[in-house]
Amino acid sequence: FDERRAAARRVADAARATFVPLQGMFERLSRSAPPEYWAADGVHPT
C-alpha cells in the first residue's frame, strides 16, 4: 500500500497536479484520537 501511495504521488508530479497528502494527515490525527475515530474500518472516513 505504501508503494501505491508513492505511485500516486509520482503520477501527480508528472501531471503537474495539486497533491493532497492524506496519509500523513490521518497519522497525525491518530495521535489525538484513535484511528477508528477518523476511519472506523481503517478505510472509510467517519
All heavy atoms as atom14 arrays in JSON, in Angstrom:
{
  "sequence": "FDERRAAARRVADAARATFVPLQGMFERLSRSAPPEYWAADGVHPT",
  "atom14_mask": [
    [1, 1, 1, 1, 1, 1, 1, 1, 1, 1, 1, 0, 0, 0],
    [1, 1, 1, 1, 1, 1, 1, 1, 0, 0, 0, 0, 0, 0],
    [1, 1, 1, 1, 1, 1, 1, 1, 1, 0, 0, 0, 0, 0],
    [1, 1, 1, 1, 1, 1, 1, 1, 1, 1, 1, 0, 0, 0],
    [1, 1, 1, 1, 1, 1, 1, 1, 1, 1, 1, 0, 0, 0],
    [1, 1, 1, 1, 1, 0, 0, 0, 0, 0, 0, 0, 0, 0],
    [1, 1, 1, 1, 1, 0, 0, 0, 0, 0, 0, 0, 0, 0],
    [1, 1, 1, 1, 1, 0, 0, 0, 0, 0, 0, 0, 0, 0],
    [1, 1, 1, 1, 1, 1, 1, 1, 1, 1, 1, 0, 0, 0],
    [1, 1, 1, 1, 1, 1, 1, 1, 1, 1, 1, 0, 0, 0],
    [1, 1, 1, 1, 1, 1, 1, 0, 0, 0, 0, 0, 0, 0],
    [1, 1, 1, 1, 1, 0, 0, 0, 0, 0, 0, 0, 0, 0],
    [1, 1, 1, 1, 1, 1, 1, 1, 0, 0, 0, 0, 0, 0],
    [1, 1, 1, 1, 1, 0, 0, 0, 0, 0, 0, 0, 0, 0],
    [1, 1, 1, 1, 1, 0, 0, 0, 0, 0, 0, 0, 0, 0],
    [1, 1, 1, 1, 1, 1, 1, 1, 1, 1, 1, 0, 0, 0],
    [1, 1, 1, 1, 1, 0, 0, 0, 0, 0, 0, 0, 0, 0],
    [1, 1, 1, 1, 1, 1, 1, 0, 0, 0, 0, 0, 0, 0],
    [1, 1, 1, 1, 1, 1, 1, 1, 1, 1, 1, 0, 0, 0],
    [1, 1, 1, 1, 1, 1, 1, 0, 0, 0, 0, 0, 0, 0],
    [1, 1, 1, 1, 1, 1, 1, 0, 0, 0, 0, 0, 0, 0],
    [1, 1, 1, 1, 1, 1, 1, 1, 0, 0, 0, 0, 0, 0],
    [1, 1, 1, 1, 1, 1, 1, 1, 1, 0, 0, 0, 0, 0],
    [1, 1, 1, 1, 0, 0, 0, 0, 0, 0, 0, 0, 0, 0],
    [1, 1, 1, 1, 1, 1, 1, 1, 0, 0, 0, 0, 0, 0],
    [1, 1, 1, 1, 1, 1, 1, 1, 1, 1, 1, 0, 0, 0],
    [1, 1, 1, 1, 1, 1, 1, 1, 1, 0, 0, 0, 0, 0],
    [1, 1, 1, 1, 1, 1, 1, 1, 1, 1, 1, 0, 0, 0],
    [1, 1, 1, 1, 1, 1, 1, 1, 0, 0, 0, 0, 0, 0],
    [1, 1, 1, 1, 1, 1, 0, 0, 0, 0, 0, 0, 0, 0],
    [1, 1, 1, 1, 1, 1, 1, 1, 1, 1, 1, 0, 0, 0],
    [1, 1, 1, 1, 1, 1, 0, 0, 0, 0, 0, 0, 0, 0],
    [1, 1, 1, 1, 1, 0, 0, 0, 0, 0, 0, 0, 0, 0],
    [1, 1, 1, 1, 1, 1, 1, 0, 0, 0, 0, 0, 0, 0],
    [1, 1, 1, 1, 1, 1, 1, 0, 0, 0, 0, 0, 0, 0],
    [1, 1, 1, 1, 1, 1, 1, 1, 1, 0, 0, 0, 0, 0],
    [1, 1, 1, 1, 1, 1, 1, 1, 1, 1, 1, 1, 0, 0],
    [1, 1, 1, 1, 1, 1, 1, 1, 1, 1, 1, 1, 1, 1],
    [1, 1, 1, 1, 1, 0, 0, 0, 0, 0, 0, 0, 0, 0],
    [1, 1, 1, 1, 1, 0, 0, 0, 0, 0, 0, 0, 0, 0],
    [1, 1, 1, 1, 1, 1, 1, 1, 0, 0, 0, 0, 0, 0],
    [1, 1, 1, 1, 0, 0, 0, 0, 0, 0, 0, 0, 0, 0],
    [1, 1, 1, 1, 1, 1, 1, 0, 0, 0, 0, 0, 0, 0],
    [1, 1, 1, 1, 1, 1, 1, 1, 1, 1, 0, 0, 0, 0],
    [1, 1, 1, 1, 1, 1, 1, 0, 0, 0, 0, 0, 0, 0],
    [1, 1, 1, 1, 1, 1, 1, 0, 0, 0, 0, 0, 0, 0]
  ],
  "atom14_positions": [
    [[0.83, -1.2, 0.0], [0.0, 0.0, 0.0], [0.87, 1.25, 0.0], [0.56, 2.24, -0.69], [-0.95, 0.03, 1.19], [-1.94, 1.16, 1.11], [-3.03, 1.08, 0.26], [-1.74, 2.32, 1.83], [-3.93, 2.14, 0.14], [-2.63, 3.38, 1.73], [-3.72, 3.3, 0.88], [0.0, 0.0, 0.0], [0.0, 0.0, 0.0], [0.0, 0.0, 0.0]],
    [[1.95, 1.24, 0.74], [2.85, 2.39, 0.75], [3.47, 2.62, -0.63], [3.7, 3.76, -1.05], [3.94, 2.21, 1.8], [3.4, 2.29, 3.22], [2.37, 2.96, 3.42], [4.0, 1.67, 4.12], [0.0, 0.0, 0.0], [0.0, 0.0, 0.0], [0.0, 0.0, 0.0], [0.0, 0.0, 0.0], [0.0, 0.0, 0.0], [0.0, 0.0, 0.0]],
    [[3.73, 1.53, -1.35], [4.26, 1.65, -2.7], [3.24, 2.29, -3.63], [3.59, 3.09, -4.52], [4.67, 0.27, -3.22], [5.83, -0.36, -2.45], [6.03, -1.83, -2.79], [5.28, -2.35, -3.64], [6.93, -2.44, -2.19], [0.0, 0.0, 0.0], [0.0, 0.0, 0.0], [0.0, 0.0, 0.0], [0.0, 0.0, 0.0], [0.0, 0.0, 0.0]],
    [[1.98, 1.97, -3.43], [0.92, 2.56, -4.25], [0.72, 4.03, -3.91], [0.43, 4.86, -4.78], [-0.37, 1.76, -4.09], [-0.3, 0.38, -4.75], [-1.52, -0.47, -4.48], [-1.37, -1.79, -5.08], [-1.77, -2.13, -6.29], [-2.37, -1.23, -7.05], [-1.59, -3.36, -6.75], [0.0, 0.0, 0.0], [0.0, 0.0, 0.0], [0.0, 0.0, 0.0]],
    [[0.88, 4.39, -2.65], [0.81, 5.81, -2.28], [1.91, 6.59, -2.99], [1.68, 7.69, -3.5], [0.96, 5.97, -0.77], [-0.22, 5.51, 0.04], [-0.16, 6.06, 1.47], [1.03, 5.68, 2.2], [2.03, 6.49, 2.49], [2.02, 7.75, 2.11], [3.08, 6.04, 3.19], [0.0, 0.0, 0.0], [0.0, 0.0, 0.0], [0.0, 0.0, 0.0]],
    [[3.1, 6.01, -2.99], [4.22, 6.67, -3.66], [3.96, 6.79, -5.16], [4.32, 7.81, -5.78], [5.51, 5.89, -3.4], [0.0, 0.0, 0.0], [0.0, 0.0, 0.0], [0.0, 0.0, 0.0], [0.0, 0.0, 0.0], [0.0, 0.0, 0.0], [0.0, 0.0, 0.0], [0.0, 0.0, 0.0], [0.0, 0.0, 0.0], [0.0, 0.0, 0.0]],
    [[3.32, 5.78, -5.73], [2.99, 5.83, -7.16], [2.02, 6.95, -7.45], [2.15, 7.67, -8.45], [2.41, 4.49, -7.6], [0.0, 0.0, 0.0], [0.0, 0.0, 0.0], [0.0, 0.0, 0.0], [0.0, 0.0, 0.0], [0.0, 0.0, 0.0], [0.0, 0.0, 0.0], [0.0, 0.0, 0.0], [0.0, 0.0, 0.0], [0.0, 0.0, 0.0]],
    [[1.02, 7.13, -6.57], [0.06, 8.22, -6.76], [0.76, 9.58, -6.71], [0.42, 10.5, -7.48], [-1.03, 8.15, -5.7], [0.0, 0.0, 0.0], [0.0, 0.0, 0.0], [0.0, 0.0, 0.0], [0.0, 0.0, 0.0], [0.0, 0.0, 0.0], [0.0, 0.0, 0.0], [0.0, 0.0, 0.0], [0.0, 0.0, 0.0], [0.0, 0.0, 0.0]],
    [[1.74, 9.7, -5.85], [2.5, 10.96, -5.77], [3.29, 11.2, -7.05], [3.33, 12.33, -7.57], [3.44, 10.91, -4.56], [4.28, 12.18, -4.37], [3.38, 13.35, -4.06], [4.08, 14.6, -3.88], [4.32, 15.15, -2.69], [3.93, 14.56, -1.57], [4.93, 16.3, -2.59], [0.0, 0.0, 0.0], [0.0, 0.0, 0.0], [0.0, 0.0, 0.0]],
    [[3.87, 10.14, -7.61], [4.61, 10.29, -8.87], [3.67, 10.68, -10.0], [4.01, 11.51, -10.85], [5.36, 9.0, -9.2], [6.53, 8.7, -8.28], [7.41, 7.61, -8.85], [6.72, 6.32, -8.94], [6.69, 5.41, -7.96], [7.31, 5.66, -6.81], [6.07, 4.26, -8.12], [0.0, 0.0, 0.0], [0.0, 0.0, 0.0], [0.0, 0.0, 0.0]],
    [[2.5, 10.08, -10.02], [1.51, 10.41, -11.04], [1.13, 11.89, -10.94], [1.05, 12.59, -11.95], [0.26, 9.51, -10.89], [-0.91, 10.05, -11.72], [0.58, 8.08, -11.3], [0.0, 0.0, 0.0], [0.0, 0.0, 0.0], [0.0, 0.0, 0.0], [0.0, 0.0, 0.0], [0.0, 0.0, 0.0], [0.0, 0.0, 0.0], [0.0, 0.0, 0.0]],
    [[0.89, 12.36, -9.74], [0.54, 13.77, -9.54], [1.66, 14.69, -10.01], [1.41, 15.69, -10.7], [0.22, 14.02, -8.07], [0.0, 0.0, 0.0], [0.0, 0.0, 0.0], [0.0, 0.0, 0.0], [0.0, 0.0, 0.0], [0.0, 0.0, 0.0], [0.0, 0.0, 0.0], [0.0, 0.0, 0.0], [0.0, 0.0, 0.0], [0.0, 0.0, 0.0]],
    [[2.88, 14.35, -9.63], [4.01, 15.2, -10.02], [4.17, 15.25, -11.53], [4.39, 16.32, -12.11], [5.3, 14.67, -9.38], [5.35, 14.89, -7.88], [4.54, 15.7, -7.37], [6.19, 14.26, -7.21], [0.0, 0.0, 0.0], [0.0, 0.0, 0.0], [0.0, 0.0, 0.0], [0.0, 0.0, 0.0], [0.0, 0.0, 0.0], [0.0, 0.0, 0.0]],
    [[4.04, 14.09, -12.19], [4.21, 14.04, -13.64], [3.12, 14.83, -14.36], [3.37, 15.44, -15.41], [4.21, 12.59, -14.11], [0.0, 0.0, 0.0], [0.0, 0.0, 0.0], [0.0, 0.0, 0.0], [0.0, 0.0, 0.0], [0.0, 0.0, 0.0], [0.0, 0.0, 0.0], [0.0, 0.0, 0.0], [0.0, 0.0, 0.0], [0.0, 0.0, 0.0]],
    [[1.91, 14.83, -13.79], [0.79, 15.54, -14.41], [0.7, 16.99, -13.96], [-0.2, 17.71, -14.38], [-0.51, 14.82, -14.07], [0.0, 0.0, 0.0], [0.0, 0.0, 0.0], [0.0, 0.0, 0.0], [0.0, 0.0, 0.0], [0.0, 0.0, 0.0], [0.0, 0.0, 0.0], [0.0, 0.0, 0.0], [0.0, 0.0, 0.0], [0.0, 0.0, 0.0]],
    [[1.61, 17.41, -13.09], [1.59, 18.76, -12.52], [0.27, 19.02, -11.8], [-0.31, 20.1, -11.89], [1.86, 19.81, -13.59], [3.24, 19.69, -14.22], [3.52, 20.78, -15.22], [4.87, 20.67, -15.77], [5.37, 21.49, -16.69], [4.64, 22.5, -17.13], [6.6, 21.32, -17.14], [0.0, 0.0, 0.0], [0.0, 0.0, 0.0], [0.0, 0.0, 0.0]],
    [[-0.19, 18.01, -11.11], [-1.43, 18.1, -10.36], [-1.15, 18.58, -8.93], [-0.07, 18.35, -8.39], [-2.13, 16.74, -10.32], [0.0, 0.0, 0.0], [0.0, 0.0, 0.0], [0.0, 0.0, 0.0], [0.0, 0.0, 0.0], [0.0, 0.0, 0.0], [0.0, 0.0, 0.0], [0.0, 0.0, 0.0], [0.0, 0.0, 0.0], [0.0, 0.0, 0.0]],
    [[-2.13, 19.21, -8.33], [-2.06, 19.53, -6.92], [-2.2, 18.23, -6.13], [-3.15, 17.47, -6.36], [-3.17, 20.5, -6.52], [-3.02, 21.72, -7.25], [-3.14, 20.8, -5.02], [0.0, 0.0, 0.0], [0.0, 0.0, 0.0], [0.0, 0.0, 0.0], [0.0, 0.0, 0.0], [0.0, 0.0, 0.0], [0.0, 0.0, 0.0], [0.0, 0.0, 0.0]],
    [[-1.28, 17.97, -5.23], [-1.29, 16.73, -4.45], [-1.8, 17.01, -3.04], [-1.32, 17.95, -2.39], [0.11, 16.13, -4.39], [0.18, 14.77, -3.75], [-0.34, 13.66, -4.4], [0.77, 14.61, -2.52], [-0.28, 12.4, -3.81], [0.84, 13.36, -1.92], [0.33, 12.25, -2.58], [0.0, 0.0, 0.0], [0.0, 0.0, 0.0], [0.0, 0.0, 0.0]],
    [[-2.78, 16.23, -2.59], [-3.34, 16.39, -1.26], [-2.88, 15.22, -0.4], [-3.37, 14.09, -0.55], [-4.87, 16.45, -1.3], [-5.44, 16.69, 0.09], [-5.34, 17.55, -2.26], [0.0, 0.0, 0.0], [0.0, 0.0, 0.0], [0.0, 0.0, 0.0], [0.0, 0.0, 0.0], [0.0, 0.0, 0.0], [0.0, 0.0, 0.0], [0.0, 0.0, 0.0]],
    [[-1.9, 15.41, 0.5], [-1.26, 14.32, 1.24], [-2.09, 13.86, 2.45], [-1.95, 14.4, 3.55], [0.07, 14.92, 1.67], [-0.24, 16.38, 1.84], [-1.28, 16.71, 0.8], [0.0, 0.0, 0.0], [0.0, 0.0, 0.0], [0.0, 0.0, 0.0], [0.0, 0.0, 0.0], [0.0, 0.0, 0.0], [0.0, 0.0, 0.0], [0.0, 0.0, 0.0]],
    [[-2.92, 12.86, 2.25], [-3.86, 12.45, 3.29], [-3.28, 11.48, 4.31], [-3.7, 11.47, 5.47], [-5.1, 11.83, 2.64], [-5.92, 12.77, 1.76], [-7.08, 12.02, 1.13], [-6.42, 13.96, 2.56], [0.0, 0.0, 0.0], [0.0, 0.0, 0.0], [0.0, 0.0, 0.0], [0.0, 0.0, 0.0], [0.0, 0.0, 0.0], [0.0, 0.0, 0.0]],
    [[-2.33, 10.63, 3.9], [-1.83, 9.62, 4.84], [-1.18, 10.26, 6.07], [-1.49, 9.92, 7.21], [-0.83, 8.69, 4.15], [-0.35, 7.54, 5.02], [-1.44, 6.53, 5.32], [-2.17, 6.14, 4.43], [-1.55, 6.09, 6.56], [0.0, 0.0, 0.0], [0.0, 0.0, 0.0], [0.0, 0.0, 0.0], [0.0, 0.0, 0.0], [0.0, 0.0, 0.0]],
    [[-0.27, 11.18, 5.84], [0.39, 11.84, 6.95], [-0.59, 12.61, 7.82], [-0.46, 12.65, 9.05], [0.0, 0.0, 0.0], [0.0, 0.0, 0.0], [0.0, 0.0, 0.0], [0.0, 0.0, 0.0], [0.0, 0.0, 0.0], [0.0, 0.0, 0.0], [0.0, 0.0, 0.0], [0.0, 0.0, 0.0], [0.0, 0.0, 0.0], [0.0, 0.0, 0.0]],
    [[-1.58, 13.22, 7.19], [-2.59, 13.95, 7.96], [-3.32, 13.02, 8.92], [-3.48, 13.33, 10.1], [-3.59, 14.6, 7.01], [-4.7, 15.38, 7.72], [-6.1, 15.82, 6.64], [-6.95, 14.22, 6.56], [0.0, 0.0, 0.0], [0.0, 0.0, 0.0], [0.0, 0.0, 0.0], [0.0, 0.0, 0.0], [0.0, 0.0, 0.0], [0.0, 0.0, 0.0]],
    [[-3.77, 11.87, 8.41], [-4.51, 10.94, 9.27], [-3.61, 10.32, 10.34], [-4.07, 10.04, 11.45], [-5.17, 9.85, 8.43], [-6.5, 10.27, 7.86], [-6.66, 10.46, 6.49], [-7.58, 10.5, 8.69], [-7.88, 10.85, 5.97], [-8.81, 10.9, 8.18], [-8.97, 11.07, 6.81], [0.0, 0.0, 0.0], [0.0, 0.0, 0.0], [0.0, 0.0, 0.0]],
    [[-2.36, 10.11, 10.03], [-1.45, 9.58, 11.06], [-1.25, 10.59, 12.17], [-1.2, 10.23, 13.35], [-0.12, 9.19, 10.41], [-0.23, 7.95, 9.53], [1.05, 7.61, 8.81], [2.03, 8.39, 8.91], [1.08, 6.56, 8.12], [0.0, 0.0, 0.0], [0.0, 0.0, 0.0], [0.0, 0.0, 0.0], [0.0, 0.0, 0.0], [0.0, 0.0, 0.0]],
    [[-1.16, 11.86, 11.82], [-1.04, 12.9, 12.85], [-2.32, 12.99, 13.67], [-2.28, 13.11, 14.9], [-0.71, 14.24, 12.2], [0.7, 14.34, 11.64], [1.04, 15.75, 11.23], [0.21, 16.24, 10.14], [0.47, 16.04, 8.86], [1.54, 15.34, 8.49], [-0.32, 16.53, 7.92], [0.0, 0.0, 0.0], [0.0, 0.0, 0.0], [0.0, 0.0, 0.0]],
    [[-3.45, 12.93, 13.0], [-4.72, 13.0, 13.71], [-4.89, 11.83, 14.67], [-5.5, 11.96, 15.74], [-5.88, 13.01, 12.71], [-6.05, 14.28, 11.88], [-7.06, 14.05, 10.77], [-6.48, 15.46, 12.76], [0.0, 0.0, 0.0], [0.0, 0.0, 0.0], [0.0, 0.0, 0.0], [0.0, 0.0, 0.0], [0.0, 0.0, 0.0], [0.0, 0.0, 0.0]],
    [[-4.33, 10.68, 14.32], [-4.48, 9.48, 15.15], [-3.67, 9.55, 16.44], [-3.79, 8.67, 17.29], [-4.08, 8.24, 14.34], [-4.99, 8.04, 13.27], [0.0, 0.0, 0.0], [0.0, 0.0, 0.0], [0.0, 0.0, 0.0], [0.0, 0.0, 0.0], [0.0, 0.0, 0.0], [0.0, 0.0, 0.0], [0.0, 0.0, 0.0], [0.0, 0.0, 0.0]],
    [[-2.87, 10.59, 16.59], [-2.18, 10.79, 17.87], [-3.1, 11.47, 18.88], [-2.86, 11.39, 20.09], [-0.92, 11.65, 17.65], [0.1, 11.02, 16.71], [1.38, 11.84, 16.67], [2.24, 11.42, 15.58], [2.64, 12.2, 14.58], [2.27, 13.47, 14.56], [3.42, 11.73, 13.62], [0.0, 0.0, 0.0], [0.0, 0.0, 0.0], [0.0, 0.0, 0.0]],
    [[-4.14, 12.15, 18.38], [-5.06, 12.85, 19.28], [-6.33, 12.06, 19.55], [-7.04, 12.33, 20.53], [-5.43, 14.22, 18.68], [-6.07, 14.07, 17.44], [0.0, 0.0, 0.0], [0.0, 0.0, 0.0], [0.0, 0.0, 0.0], [0.0, 0.0, 0.0], [0.0, 0.0, 0.0], [0.0, 0.0, 0.0], [0.0, 0.0, 0.0], [0.0, 0.0, 0.0]],
    [[-6.65, 11.11, 18.69], [-7.81, 10.24, 18.87], [-7.5, 8.93, 18.16], [-6.71, 8.92, 17.2], [-9.07, 10.89, 18.29], [0.0, 0.0, 0.0], [0.0, 0.0, 0.0], [0.0, 0.0, 0.0], [0.0, 0.0, 0.0], [0.0, 0.0, 0.0], [0.0, 0.0, 0.0], [0.0, 0.0, 0.0], [0.0, 0.0, 0.0], [0.0, 0.0, 0.0]],
    [[-8.08, 7.8, 18.58], [-7.76, 6.51, 17.96], [-8.05, 6.5, 16.46], [-8.92, 7.25, 15.98], [-8.7, 5.54, 18.7], [-9.06, 6.23, 19.96], [-9.07, 7.7, 19.65], [0.0, 0.0, 0.0], [0.0, 0.0, 0.0], [0.0, 0.0, 0.0], [0.0, 0.0, 0.0], [0.0, 0.0, 0.0], [0.0, 0.0, 0.0], [0.0, 0.0, 0.0]],
    [[-7.35, 5.66, 15.7], [-7.57, 5.6, 14.25], [-9.03, 5.42, 13.87], [-9.51, 6.04, 12.91], [-6.72, 4.41, 13.81], [-5.65, 4.31, 14.84], [-6.29, 4.73, 16.13], [0.0, 0.0, 0.0], [0.0, 0.0, 0.0], [0.0, 0.0, 0.0], [0.0, 0.0, 0.0], [0.0, 0.0, 0.0], [0.0, 0.0, 0.0], [0.0, 0.0, 0.0]],
    [[-9.76, 4.57, 14.63], [-11.16, 4.31, 14.28], [-12.04, 5.55, 14.45], [-13.16, 5.6, 13.93], [-11.71, 3.15, 15.11], [-11.59, 3.32, 16.61], [-10.31, 2.75, 17.18], [-9.3, 2.62, 16.43], [-10.32, 2.41, 18.39], [0.0, 0.0, 0.0], [0.0, 0.0, 0.0], [0.0, 0.0, 0.0], [0.0, 0.0, 0.0], [0.0, 0.0, 0.0]],
    [[-11.57, 6.55, 15.18], [-12.33, 7.79, 15.29], [-12.38, 8.51, 13.94], [-13.34, 9.21, 13.62], [-11.68, 8.7, 16.34], [-12.4, 10.02, 16.53], [-13.5, 10.11, 17.38], [-11.99, 11.19, 15.87], [-14.17, 11.32, 17.56], [-12.64, 12.4, 16.05], [-13.73, 12.45, 16.9], [-14.4, 13.64, 17.07], [0.0, 0.0, 0.0], [0.0, 0.0, 0.0]],
    [[-11.34, 8.32, 13.13], [-11.21, 9.0, 11.84], [-11.67, 8.13, 10.68], [-12.16, 8.65, 9.67], [-9.76, 9.44, 11.63], [-9.24, 10.24, 12.78], [-8.38, 9.82, 13.76], [-9.58, 11.59, 13.12], [-8.16, 10.82, 14.67], [-8.88, 11.92, 14.31], [-10.4, 12.55, 12.52], [-8.98, 13.18, 14.9], [-10.5, 13.8, 13.13], [-9.8, 14.1, 14.29]],
    [[-11.49, 6.81, 10.81], [-11.93, 5.87, 9.77], [-12.27, 4.57, 10.47], [-11.37, 3.8, 10.84], [-10.85, 5.65, 8.72], [0.0, 0.0, 0.0], [0.0, 0.0, 0.0], [0.0, 0.0, 0.0], [0.0, 0.0, 0.0], [0.0, 0.0, 0.0], [0.0, 0.0, 0.0], [0.0, 0.0, 0.0], [0.0, 0.0, 0.0], [0.0, 0.0, 0.0]],
    [[-13.55, 4.3, 10.67], [-13.98, 3.22, 11.55], [-13.44, 1.86, 11.14], [-13.06, 1.05, 11.98], [-15.51, 3.18, 11.61], [0.0, 0.0, 0.0], [0.0, 0.0, 0.0], [0.0, 0.0, 0.0], [0.0, 0.0, 0.0], [0.0, 0.0, 0.0], [0.0, 0.0, 0.0], [0.0, 0.0, 0.0], [0.0, 0.0, 0.0], [0.0, 0.0, 0.0]],
    [[-13.37, 1.59, 9.83], [-12.85, 0.31, 9.36], [-11.44, 0.42, 8.81], [-10.92, -0.51, 8.21], [-13.78, -0.29, 8.3], [-13.9, 0.58, 7.05], [-13.31, 1.69, 7.03], [-14.58, 0.17, 6.09], [0.0, 0.0, 0.0], [0.0, 0.0, 0.0], [0.0, 0.0, 0.0], [0.0, 0.0, 0.0], [0.0, 0.0, 0.0], [0.0, 0.0, 0.0]],
    [[-10.82, 1.57, 9.01], [-9.46, 1.79, 8.51], [-9.42, 2.36, 7.11], [-8.36, 2.78, 6.65], [0.0, 0.0, 0.0], [0.0, 0.0, 0.0], [0.0, 0.0, 0.0], [0.0, 0.0, 0.0], [0.0, 0.0, 0.0], [0.0, 0.0, 0.0], [0.0, 0.0, 0.0], [0.0, 0.0, 0.0], [0.0, 0.0, 0.0], [0.0, 0.0, 0.0]],
    [[-10.57, 2.37, 6.43], [-10.63, 2.81, 5.03], [-11.63, 3.95, 4.85], [-11.3, 5.0, 4.3], [-11.0, 1.64, 4.1], [-11.23, 2.13, 2.67], [-9.92, 0.56, 4.13], [0.0, 0.0, 0.0], [0.0, 0.0, 0.0], [0.0, 0.0, 0.0], [0.0, 0.0, 0.0], [0.0, 0.0, 0.0], [0.0, 0.0, 0.0], [0.0, 0.0, 0.0]],
    [[-12.86, 3.75, 5.3], [-13.93, 4.74, 5.06], [-13.97, 5.77, 6.19], [-14.16, 5.4, 7.35], [-15.28, 4.03, 4.94], [-15.34, 3.08, 3.79], [-15.09, 1.74, 3.92], [-15.6, 3.31, 2.48], [-15.21, 1.16, 2.74], [-15.51, 2.09, 1.85], [0.0, 0.0, 0.0], [0.0, 0.0, 0.0], [0.0, 0.0, 0.0], [0.0, 0.0, 0.0]],
    [[-13.8, 7.03, 5.87], [-13.76, 8.05, 6.91], [-15.08, 8.2, 7.67], [-16.17, 7.99, 7.11], [-13.45, 9.34, 6.13], [-12.87, 8.88, 4.84], [-13.56, 7.59, 4.54], [0.0, 0.0, 0.0], [0.0, 0.0, 0.0], [0.0, 0.0, 0.0], [0.0, 0.0, 0.0], [0.0, 0.0, 0.0], [0.0, 0.0, 0.0], [0.0, 0.0, 0.0]],
    [[-14.97, 8.54, 8.91], [-16.11, 8.97, 9.71], [-16.44, 10.42, 9.35], [-15.71, 11.05, 8.56], [-15.75, 8.89, 11.2], [-14.64, 9.79, 11.43], [-15.37, 7.47, 11.62], [0.0, 0.0, 0.0], [0.0, 0.0, 0.0], [0.0, 0.0, 0.0], [0.0, 0.0, 0.0], [0.0, 0.0, 0.0], [0.0, 0.0, 0.0], [0.0, 0.0, 0.0]]
  ]
}
